């Protein structure tokens, strides 16, 4: 079992979750934080089953930061 970091965003319409450290696009969504996590977990499992261990990035992400800038 591998630990995967997940970003969860809250939007007016609900929650969106996506993993870090996977090749390709994997997204989950839900009306609640928990639903979005469950959906992305299911999507990650399917992604790895479909593409194998090659879907995982070679290097582990040690730490994740969220920053905000004005542009």
Protein backbone atom coordinates (compact mmCIF):
# COMPACT_ATOMS: atom_id res chain seq x y z
CA UNK A 1 0.00 0.00 0.00
CA UNK A 2 1.34 3.42 -0.98
CA UNK A 3 0.48 6.73 0.66
CA UNK A 4 -0.60 9.35 -1.90
CA UNK A 5 -1.03 13.04 -1.17
CA UNK A 6 -4.40 14.45 -2.25
CA UNK A 7 -5.33 18.07 -2.93
CA UNK A 8 -8.95 18.88 -2.10
CA UNK A 9 -10.53 22.09 -3.32
CA UNK A 10 -13.84 23.49 -2.11
CA UNK A 11 -15.91 25.16 -4.85
CA UNK A 12 -19.41 26.66 -4.73
CA UNK A 13 -20.71 23.51 -6.49
CA UNK A 14 -18.93 21.00 -4.23
CA UNK A 15 -15.47 19.49 -3.73
CA UNK A 16 -12.81 18.43 -6.22
CA UNK A 17 -9.91 16.15 -5.26
CA UNK A 18 -6.83 15.14 -7.20
CA UNK A 19 -3.69 13.21 -6.31
CA UNK A 20 -0.07 14.27 -6.53
CA UNK A 21 2.56 11.90 -7.84
CA UNK A 22 0.56 10.08 -10.52
CA UNK A 23 1.17 10.23 -14.24
CA UNK A 24 -1.95 11.21 -16.14
CA UNK A 25 -5.10 12.94 -14.98
CA UNK A 26 -7.09 11.56 -12.04
CA UNK A 27 -9.88 13.59 -10.43
CA UNK A 28 -12.62 12.90 -7.92
CA UNK A 29 -15.57 15.04 -6.96
CA UNK A 30 -18.43 15.12 -4.49
CA UNK A 31 -20.89 17.24 -2.61
CA UNK A 32 -18.81 16.76 0.56
CA UNK A 33 -15.11 16.51 1.41
CA UNK A 34 -15.54 12.83 2.27
CA UNK A 35 -17.38 12.06 -1.00
CA UNK A 36 -14.62 13.71 -3.03
CA UNK A 37 -11.93 11.69 -1.19
CA UNK A 38 -13.83 8.45 -1.70
CA UNK A 39 -14.33 9.25 -5.39
CA UNK A 40 -10.66 10.10 -6.00
CA UNK A 41 -9.55 6.97 -4.10
CA UNK A 42 -11.69 4.86 -6.42
CA UNK A 43 -10.30 6.72 -9.45
CA UNK A 44 -6.70 6.20 -8.27
CA UNK A 45 -7.26 2.46 -7.78
CA UNK A 46 -8.76 2.20 -11.28
CA UNK A 47 -5.90 4.23 -12.77
CA UNK A 48 -3.24 2.00 -11.19
CA UNK A 49 -5.13 -1.18 -12.16
CA UNK A 50 -5.34 0.09 -15.75
CA UNK A 51 -1.80 1.43 -16.20
CA UNK A 52 0.10 -0.55 -13.57
CA UNK A 53 2.84 0.68 -11.27
CA UNK A 54 4.18 2.80 -14.17
CA UNK A 55 1.35 5.23 -13.35
CA UNK A 56 3.22 6.19 -10.16
CA UNK A 57 5.90 8.86 -10.32
CA UNK A 58 9.38 7.51 -9.59
CA UNK A 59 10.21 10.07 -6.90
CA UNK A 60 8.23 10.37 -3.70
CA UNK A 61 6.75 13.76 -2.87
CA UNK A 62 8.14 14.61 0.56
CA UNK A 63 6.08 17.69 1.33
CA UNK A 64 3.32 19.70 -0.32
CA UNK A 65 2.75 23.44 -0.04
CA UNK A 66 -0.09 25.67 -1.15
CA UNK A 67 0.88 29.22 -2.00
CA UNK A 68 -1.06 32.19 -3.27
CA UNK A 69 0.19 35.04 -5.45
CA UNK A 70 -1.47 37.94 -7.19
CA UNK A 71 -1.07 38.14 -10.96
